[in-house]
Amino acid sequence: MRWLAANPAAELKAIKPDPSVTWPLLSGRFEKVIAATYDYDKHARRPSDQFGAEMRAIIELMRWTGLRIGGAPYVREIAA
């Protein structure tokens, strides 16, 4: 086994958190977002372009878990 002569991560800077505040959707907006997923499916050009159910699942997951949009699609289905 060969060892590194220097630590390659030594020059990395610490991650600074984003100070912006995330607010929940205002009254009635969540329902509008969910309704838009049904409209998305209704106006899809092909049946294979209908992703409304997947979008609703991700939106509900984000609502109830607090996950951000970048993390929600990576949650895997757990077999019972």
PDB file of N, CA and C in Angstrom:
ATOM      1  N   MET A   1       0.846  -1.173   0.000  1.00  0.00           N
ATOM      2  CA  MET A   1       0.000   0.000   0.000  1.00  0.00           C
ATOM      3  C   MET A   1       0.890   1.234   0.000  1.00  0.00           C
ATOM      4  N   ARG A   2       0.524   2.211  -0.833  1.00  0.00           N
ATOM      5  CA  ARG A   2       1.312   3.439  -0.898  1.00  0.00           C
ATOM      6  C   ARG A   2       0.578   4.541  -0.163  1.00  0.00           C
ATOM      7  N   TRP A   3       1.310   5.325   0.604  1.00  0.00           N
ATOM      8  CA  TRP A   3       0.739   6.427   1.379  1.00  0.00           C
ATOM      9  C   TRP A   3       0.908   7.741   0.635  1.00  0.00           C
ATOM     10  N   LEU A   4       0.001   8.663   0.876  1.00  0.00           N
ATOM     11  CA  LEU A   4       0.091   9.990   0.266  1.00  0.00           C
ATOM     12  C   LEU A   4       1.136  10.814   0.997  1.00  0.00           C
ATOM     13  N   ALA A   5       1.850  11.630   0.261  1.00  0.00           N
ATOM     14  CA  ALA A   5       2.862  12.486   0.874  1.00  0.00           C
ATOM     15  C   ALA A   5       2.226  13.679   1.588  1.00  0.00           C
ATOM     16  N   ALA A   6       1.063  14.128   1.099  1.00  0.00           N
ATOM     17  CA  ALA A   6       0.383  15.286   1.715  1.00  0.00           C
ATOM     18  C   ALA A   6      -1.118  15.031   1.704  1.00  0.00           C
ATOM     19  N   ASN A   7      -1.811  15.692   2.585  1.00  0.00           N
ATOM     20  CA  ASN A   7      -3.256  15.573   2.675  1.00  0.00           C
ATOM     21  C   ASN A   7      -3.895  16.406   1.554  1.00  0.00           C
ATOM     22  N   PRO A   8      -4.577  15.775   0.581  1.00  0.00           N
ATOM     23  CA  PRO A   8      -5.161  16.537  -0.524  1.00  0.00           C
ATOM     24  C   PRO A   8      -6.337  17.415  -0.095  1.00  0.00           C
ATOM     25  N   ALA A   9      -6.922  17.174   1.051  1.00  0.00           N
ATOM     26  CA  ALA A   9      -8.059  17.957   1.526  1.00  0.00           C
ATOM     27  C   ALA A   9      -7.631  19.120   2.419  1.00  0.00           C
ATOM     28  N   ALA A  10      -6.348  19.285   2.631  1.00  0.00           N
ATOM     29  CA  ALA A  10      -5.854  20.309   3.553  1.00  0.00           C
ATOM     30  C   ALA A  10      -6.209  21.726   3.116  1.00  0.00           C
ATOM     31  N   GLU A  11      -6.338  21.953   1.822  1.00  0.00           N
ATOM     32  CA  GLU A  11      -6.617  23.304   1.336  1.00  0.00           C
ATOM     33  C   GLU A  11      -8.105  23.587   1.133  1.00  0.00           C
ATOM     34  N   LEU A  12      -8.950  22.636   1.467  1.00  0.00           N
ATOM     35  CA  LEU A  12     -10.395  22.859   1.346  1.00  0.00           C
ATOM     36  C   LEU A  12     -10.871  23.827   2.412  1.00  0.00           C
ATOM     37  N   LYS A  13     -11.806  24.667   2.027  1.00  0.00           N
ATOM     38  CA  LYS A  13     -12.389  25.630   2.969  1.00  0.00           C
ATOM     39  C   LYS A  13     -13.641  25.034   3.612  1.00  0.00           C
ATOM     40  N   ALA A  14     -13.983  25.524   4.785  1.00  0.00           N
ATOM     41  CA  ALA A  14     -15.191  25.066   5.470  1.00  0.00           C
ATOM     42  C   ALA A  14     -16.433  25.531   4.712  1.00  0.00           C
ATOM     43  N   ILE A  15     -17.466  24.717   4.722  1.00  0.00           N
ATOM     44  CA  ILE A  15     -18.724  25.079   4.065  1.00  0.00           C
ATOM     45  C   ILE A  15     -19.454  26.083   4.940  1.00  0.00           C
ATOM     46  N   LYS A  16     -19.909  27.171   4.318  1.00  0.00           N
ATOM     47  CA  LYS A  16     -20.650  28.190   5.049  1.00  0.00           C
ATOM     48  C   LYS A  16     -22.133  28.033   4.736  1.00  0.00           C
ATOM     49  N   PRO A  17     -22.976  27.957   5.764  1.00  0.00           N
ATOM     50  CA  PRO A  17     -24.413  27.774   5.505  1.00  0.00           C
ATOM     51  C   PRO A  17     -25.024  29.002   4.844  1.00  0.00           C
ATOM     52  N   ASP A  18     -26.050  28.776   4.047  1.00  0.00           N
ATOM     53  CA  ASP A  18     -26.776  29.855   3.381  1.00  0.00           C
ATOM     54  C   ASP A  18     -27.699  30.505   4.413  1.00  0.00           C
ATOM     55  N   PRO A  19     -27.577  31.796   4.631  1.00  0.00           N
ATOM     56  CA  PRO A  19     -28.384  32.446   5.674  1.00  0.00           C
ATOM     57  C   PRO A  19     -29.833  32.701   5.276  1.00  0.00           C
ATOM     58  N   SER A  20     -30.230  32.383   4.025  1.00  0.00           N
ATOM     59  CA  SER A  20     -31.600  32.653   3.610  1.00  0.00           C
ATOM     60  C   SER A  20     -32.581  31.778   4.397  1.00  0.00           C
ATOM     61  N   VAL A  21     -33.739  32.314   4.596  1.00  0.00           N
ATOM     62  CA  VAL A  21     -34.778  31.622   5.363  1.00  0.00           C
ATOM     63  C   VAL A  21     -35.766  30.998   4.387  1.00  0.00           C
ATOM     64  N   THR A  22     -36.162  29.773   4.652  1.00  0.00           N
ATOM     65  CA  THR A  22     -37.155  29.098   3.840  1.00  0.00           C
ATOM     66  C   THR A  22     -38.488  29.159   4.566  1.00  0.00           C
ATOM     67  N   TRP A  23     -39.488  29.671   3.881  1.00  0.00           N
ATOM     68  CA  TRP A  23     -40.820  29.792   4.468  1.00  0.00           C
ATOM     69  C   TRP A  23     -41.754  28.762   3.848  1.00  0.00           C
ATOM     70  N   PRO A  24     -42.723  28.285   4.617  1.00  0.00           N
ATOM     71  CA  PRO A  24     -43.692  27.335   4.056  1.00  0.00           C
ATOM     72  C   PRO A  24     -44.605  28.032   3.054  1.00  0.00           C
ATOM     73  N   LEU A  25     -45.293  27.244   2.258  1.00  0.00           N
ATOM     74  CA  LEU A  25     -46.244  27.812   1.310  1.00  0.00           C
ATOM     75  C   LEU A  25     -47.383  28.495   2.058  1.00  0.00           C
ATOM     76  N   LEU A  26     -47.838  29.604   1.533  1.00  0.00           N
ATOM     77  CA  LEU A  26     -48.933  30.336   2.160  1.00  0.00           C
ATOM     78  C   LEU A  26     -50.249  29.587   1.962  1.00  0.00           C
ATOM     79  N   SER A  27     -51.265  30.058   2.633  1.00  0.00           N
ATOM     80  CA  SER A  27     -52.578  29.419   2.619  1.00  0.00           C
ATOM     81  C   SER A  27     -53.073  29.172   1.198  1.00  0.00           C
ATOM     82  N   GLY A  28     -53.429  27.942   0.921  1.00  0.00           N
ATOM     83  CA  GLY A  28     -53.977  27.576  -0.370  1.00  0.00           C
ATOM     84  C   GLY A  28     -52.960  27.299  -1.454  1.00  0.00           C
ATOM     85  N   ARG A  29     -51.723  27.659  -1.251  1.00  0.00           N
ATOM     86  CA  ARG A  29     -50.708  27.467  -2.298  1.00  0.00           C
ATOM     87  C   ARG A  29     -50.333  25.991  -2.474  1.00  0.00           C
ATOM     88  N   PHE A  30     -50.298  25.262  -1.364  1.00  0.00           N
ATOM     89  CA  PHE A  30     -49.956  23.843  -1.465  1.00  0.00           C
ATOM     90  C   PHE A  30     -50.984  23.128  -2.343  1.00  0.00           C
ATOM     91  N   GLU A  31     -52.253  23.432  -2.134  1.00  0.00           N
ATOM     92  CA  GLU A  31     -53.310  22.816  -2.927  1.00  0.00           C
ATOM     93  C   GLU A  31     -53.165  23.188  -4.409  1.00  0.00           C
ATOM     94  N   LYS A  32     -52.741  24.418  -4.688  1.00  0.00           N
ATOM     95  CA  LYS A  32     -52.542  24.842  -6.073  1.00  0.00           C
ATOM     96  C   LYS A  32     -51.376  24.094  -6.716  1.00  0.00           C
ATOM     97  N   VAL A  33     -50.331  23.850  -5.949  1.00  0.00           N
ATOM     98  CA  VAL A  33     -49.183  23.106  -6.478  1.00  0.00           C
ATOM     99  C   VAL A  33     -49.612  21.677  -6.802  1.00  0.00           C
ATOM    100  N   ILE A  34     -50.359  21.050  -5.906  1.00  0.00           N
ATOM    101  CA  ILE A  34     -50.839  19.685  -6.153  1.00  0.00           C
ATOM    102  C   ILE A  34     -51.767  19.664  -7.365  1.00  0.00           C
ATOM    103  N   ALA A  35     -52.674  20.642  -7.469  1.00  0.00           N
ATOM    104  CA  ALA A  35     -53.583  20.709  -8.620  1.00  0.00           C
ATOM    105  C   ALA A  35     -52.806  20.872  -9.925  1.00  0.00           C
ATOM    106  N   ALA A  36     -51.709  21.599  -9.887  1.00  0.00           N
ATOM    107  CA  ALA A  36     -50.901  21.802 -11.091  1.00  0.00           C
ATOM    108  C   ALA A  36     -50.301  20.493 -11.597  1.00  0.00           C
ATOM    109  N   THR A  37     -50.052  19.542 -10.713  1.00  0.00           N
ATOM    110  CA  THR A  37     -49.502  18.261 -11.158  1.00  0.00           C
ATOM    111  C   THR A  37     -50.535  17.487 -11.970  1.00  0.00           C
ATOM    112  N   TYR A  38     -51.816  17.639 -11.617  1.00  0.00           N
ATOM    113  CA  TYR A  38     -52.867  16.995 -12.408  1.00  0.00           C
ATOM    114  C   TYR A  38     -52.985  17.670 -13.775  1.00  0.00           C
ATOM    115  N   ASP A  39     -52.858  19.001 -13.816  1.00  0.00           N
ATOM    116  CA  ASP A  39     -52.881  19.723 -15.089  1.00  0.00           C
ATOM    117  C   ASP A  39     -51.699  19.317 -15.952  1.00  0.00           C
ATOM    118  N   TYR A  40     -50.563  19.101 -15.330  1.00  0.00           N
ATOM    119  CA  TYR A  40     -49.365  18.665 -16.062  1.00  0.00           C
ATOM    120  C   TYR A  40     -49.656  17.370 -16.805  1.00  0.00           C
ATOM    121  N   ASP A  41     -50.262  16.411 -16.108  1.00  0.00           N
ATOM    122  CA  ASP A  41     -50.601  15.137 -16.755  1.00  0.00           C
ATOM    123  C   ASP A  41     -51.644  15.327 -17.848  1.00  0.00           C
ATOM    124  N   LYS A  42     -52.619  16.188 -17.613  1.00  0.00           N
ATOM    125  CA  LYS A  42     -53.697  16.394 -18.574  1.00  0.00           C
ATOM    126  C   LYS A  42     -53.163  16.970 -19.891  1.00  0.00           C
ATOM    127  N   HIS A  43     -52.138  17.807 -19.817  1.00  0.00           N
ATOM    128  CA  HIS A  43     -51.602  18.465 -20.999  1.00  0.00           C
ATOM    129  C   HIS A  43     -50.344  17.798 -21.557  1.00  0.00           C
ATOM    130  N   ALA A  44     -50.018  16.615 -21.056  1.00  0.00           N
ATOM    131  CA  ALA A  44     -48.835  15.903 -21.558  1.00  0.00           C
ATOM    132  C   ALA A  44     -49.074  15.473 -23.001  1.00  0.00           C
ATOM    133  N   ARG A  45     -48.042  15.542 -23.812  1.00  0.00           N
ATOM    134  CA  ARG A  45     -48.169  15.169 -25.229  1.00  0.00           C
ATOM    135  C   ARG A  45     -48.320  13.661 -25.418  1.00  0.00           C
ATOM    136  N   ARG A  46     -47.623  12.907 -24.587  1.00  0.00           N
ATOM    137  CA  ARG A  46     -47.652  11.444 -24.683  1.00  0.00           C
ATOM    138  C   ARG A  46     -47.929  10.865 -23.295  1.00  0.00           C
ATOM    139  N   PRO A  47     -48.514   9.681 -23.239  1.00  0.00           N
ATOM    140  CA  PRO A  47     -48.725   9.045 -21.926  1.00  0.00           C
ATOM    141  C   PRO A  47     -47.412   8.845 -21.162  1.00  0.00           C
ATOM    142  N   SER A  48     -46.317   8.667 -21.879  1.00  0.00           N
ATOM    143  CA  SER A  48     -45.028   8.473 -21.205  1.00  0.00           C
ATOM    144  C   SER A  48     -44.511   9.765 -20.575  1.00  0.00           C
ATOM    145  N   ASP A  49     -45.109  10.904 -20.914  1.00  0.00           N
ATOM    146  CA  ASP A  49     -44.709  12.190 -20.334  1.00  0.00           C
ATOM    147  C   ASP A  49     -45.504  12.545 -19.080  1.00  0.00           C
ATOM    148  N   GLN A  50     -46.327  11.647 -18.603  1.00  0.00           N
ATOM    149  CA  GLN A  50     -47.145  11.923 -17.428  1.00  0.00           C
ATOM    150  C   GLN A  50     -46.367  11.548 -16.164  1.00  0.00           C
ATOM    151  N   PHE A  51     -45.913  12.584 -15.458  1.00  0.00           N
ATOM    152  CA  PHE A  51     -45.141  12.380 -14.234  1.00  0.00           C
ATOM    153  C   PHE A  51     -45.835  12.989 -13.019  1.00  0.00           C
ATOM    154  N   GLY A  52     -47.125  13.263 -13.130  1.00  0.00           N
ATOM    155  CA  GLY A  52     -47.856  13.919 -12.052  1.00  0.00           C
ATOM    156  C   GLY A  52     -47.814  13.148 -10.743  1.00  0.00           C
ATOM    157  N   ALA A  53     -47.988  11.826 -10.808  1.00  0.00           N
ATOM    158  CA  ALA A  53     -47.978  11.020  -9.578  1.00  0.00           C
ATOM    159  C   ALA A  53     -46.621  11.098  -8.888  1.00  0.00           C
ATOM    160  N   GLU A  54     -45.547  11.055  -9.676  1.00  0.00           N
ATOM    161  CA  GLU A  54     -44.209  11.161  -9.096  1.00  0.00           C
ATOM    162  C   GLU A  54     -43.981  12.542  -8.490  1.00  0.00           C
ATOM    163  N   MET A  55     -44.456  13.579  -9.189  1.00  0.00           N
ATOM    164  CA  MET A  55     -44.292  14.932  -8.650  1.00  0.00           C
ATOM    165  C   MET A  55     -45.081  15.103  -7.356  1.00  0.00           C
ATOM    166  N   ARG A  56     -46.292  14.560  -7.314  1.00  0.00           N
ATOM    167  CA  ARG A  56     -47.088  14.654  -6.078  1.00  0.00           C
ATOM    168  C   ARG A  56     -46.400  13.929  -4.936  1.00  0.00           C
ATOM    169  N   ALA A  57     -45.808  12.781  -5.218  1.00  0.00           N
ATOM    170  CA  ALA A  57     -45.105  12.027  -4.179  1.00  0.00           C
ATOM    171  C   ALA A  57     -43.923  12.827  -3.631  1.00  0.00           C
ATOM    172  N   ILE A  58     -43.159  13.452  -4.517  1.00  0.00           N
ATOM    173  CA  ILE A  58     -42.009  14.246  -4.068  1.00  0.00           C
ATOM    174  C   ILE A  58     -42.468  15.463  -3.273  1.00  0.00           C
ATOM    175  N   ILE A  59     -43.538  16.123  -3.738  1.00  0.00           N
ATOM    176  CA  ILE A  59     -44.048  17.307  -3.043  1.00  0.00           C
ATOM    177  C   ILE A  59     -44.549  16.937  -1.651  1.00  0.00           C
ATOM    178  N   GLU A  60     -45.291  15.834  -1.550  1.00  0.00           N
ATOM    179  CA  GLU A  60     -45.776  15.384  -0.231  1.00  0.00           C
ATOM    180  C   GLU A  60     -44.606  14.992   0.677  1.00  0.00           C
ATOM    181  N   LEU A  61     -43.620  14.309   0.114  1.00  0.00           N
ATOM    182  CA  LEU A  61     -42.442  13.936   0.891  1.00  0.00           C
ATOM    183  C   LEU A  61     -41.742  15.169   1.445  1.00  0.00           C
ATOM    184  N   MET A  62     -41.558  16.175   0.597  1.00  0.00           N
ATOM    185  CA  MET A  62     -40.897  17.404   1.049  1.00  0.00           C
ATOM    186  C   MET A  62     -41.733  18.112   2.117  1.00  0.00           C
ATOM    187  N   ARG A  63     -43.047  18.106   1.937  1.00  0.00           N
ATOM    188  CA  ARG A  63     -43.914  18.788   2.903  1.00  0.00           C
ATOM    189  C   ARG A  63     -43.807  18.168   4.291  1.00  0.00           C
ATOM    190  N   TRP A  64     -43.853  16.849   4.358  1.00  0.00           N
ATOM    191  CA  TRP A  64     -43.935  16.192   5.661  1.00  0.00           C
ATOM    192  C   TRP A  64     -42.589  15.824   6.270  1.00  0.00           C
ATOM    193  N   THR A  65     -41.514  15.855   5.493  1.00  0.00           N
ATOM    194  CA  THR A  65     -40.203  15.515   6.060  1.00  0.00           C
ATOM    195  C   THR A  65     -39.285  16.714   6.185  1.00  0.00           C
ATOM    196  N   GLY A  66     -39.570  17.773   5.445  1.00  0.00           N
ATOM    197  CA  GLY A  66     -38.692  18.937   5.465  1.00  0.00           C
ATOM    198  C   GLY A  66     -37.496  18.814   4.534  1.00  0.00           C
ATOM    199  N   LEU A  67     -37.476  17.763   3.719  1.00  0.00           N
ATOM    200  CA  LEU A  67     -36.374  17.620   2.767  1.00  0.00           C
ATOM    201  C   LEU A  67     -36.446  18.713   1.718  1.00  0.00           C
ATOM    202  N   ARG A  68     -35.288  19.100   1.219  1.00  0.00           N
ATOM    203  CA  ARG A  68     -35.254  20.093   0.142  1.00  0.00           C
ATOM    204  C   ARG A  68     -35.402  19.374  -1.191  1.00  0.00           C
ATOM    205  N   ILE A  69     -35.648  20.146  -2.242  1.00  0.00           N
ATOM    206  CA  ILE A  69     -35.871  19.560  -3.561  1.00  0.00           C
ATOM    207  C   ILE A  69     -34.660  18.771  -4.047  1.00  0.00           C
ATOM    208  N   GLY A  70     -33.469  19.165  -3.642  1.00  0.00           N
ATOM    209  CA  GLY A  70     -32.271  18.451  -4.066  1.00  0.00           C
ATOM    210  C   GLY A  70     -32.091  17.100  -3.402  1.00  0.00           C
ATOM    211  N   GLY A  71     -32.738  16.891  -2.257  1.00  0.00           N
ATOM    212  CA  GLY A  71     -32.579  15.630  -1.550  1.00  0.00           C
ATOM    213  C   GLY A  71     -33.735  14.667  -1.707  1.00  0.00           C
ATOM    214  N   ALA A  72     -34.914  15.189  -1.958  1.00  0.00           N
ATOM    215  CA  ALA A  72     -36.113  14.349  -2.009  1.00  0.00           C
ATOM    216  C   ALA A  72     -36.069  13.259  -3.076  1.00  0.00           C
ATOM    217  N   PRO A  73     -35.601  13.525  -4.284  1.00  0.00           N
ATOM    218  CA  PRO A  73     -35.609  12.456  -5.292  1.00  0.00           C
ATOM    219  C   PRO A  73     -34.672  11.292  -4.983  1.00  0.00           C
ATOM    220  N   TYR A  74     -33.773  11.457  -4.043  1.00  0.00           N
ATOM    221  CA  TYR A  74     -32.824  10.398  -3.727  1.00  0.00           C
ATOM    222  C   TYR A  74     -33.302   9.445  -2.652  1.00  0.00           C
ATOM    223  N   VAL A  75     -34.481   9.701  -2.101  1.00  0.00           N
ATOM    224  CA  VAL A  75     -35.034   8.793  -1.095  1.00  0.00           C
ATOM    225  C   VAL A  75     -35.526   7.556  -1.814  1.00  0.00           C
ATOM    226  N   ARG A  76     -35.114   6.424  -1.367  1.00  0.00           N
ATOM    227  CA  ARG A  76     -35.477   5.158  -2.014  1.00  0.00           C
ATOM    228  C   ARG A  76     -36.700   4.543  -1.348  1.00  0.00           C
ATOM    229  N   GLU A  77     -37.436   3.802  -2.147  1.00  0.00           N
ATOM    230  CA  GLU A  77     -38.595   3.082  -1.624  1.00  0.00           C
ATOM    231  C   GLU A  77     -38.100   1.965  -0.710  1.00  0.00           C
ATOM    232  N   ILE A  78     -38.724   1.830   0.449  1.00  0.00           N
ATOM    233  CA  ILE A  78     -38.337   0.788   1.400  1.00  0.00           C
ATOM    234  C   ILE A  78     -39.345  -0.344   1.309  1.00  0.00           C
ATOM    235  N   ALA A  79     -38.873  -1.525   1.005  1.00  0.00           N
ATOM    236  CA  ALA A  79     -39.762  -2.690   0.894  1.00  0.00           C
ATOM    237  C   ALA A  79     -40.164  -3.129   2.300  1.00  0.00           C
ATOM    238  N   ALA A  80     -41.434  -3.338   2.473  1.00  0.00           N
ATOM    239  CA  ALA A  80     -41.945  -3.746   3.794  1.00  0.00           C
ATOM    240  C   ALA A  80     -41.855  -5.233   3.980  1.00  0.00           C
TER     241      ALA A  80
END
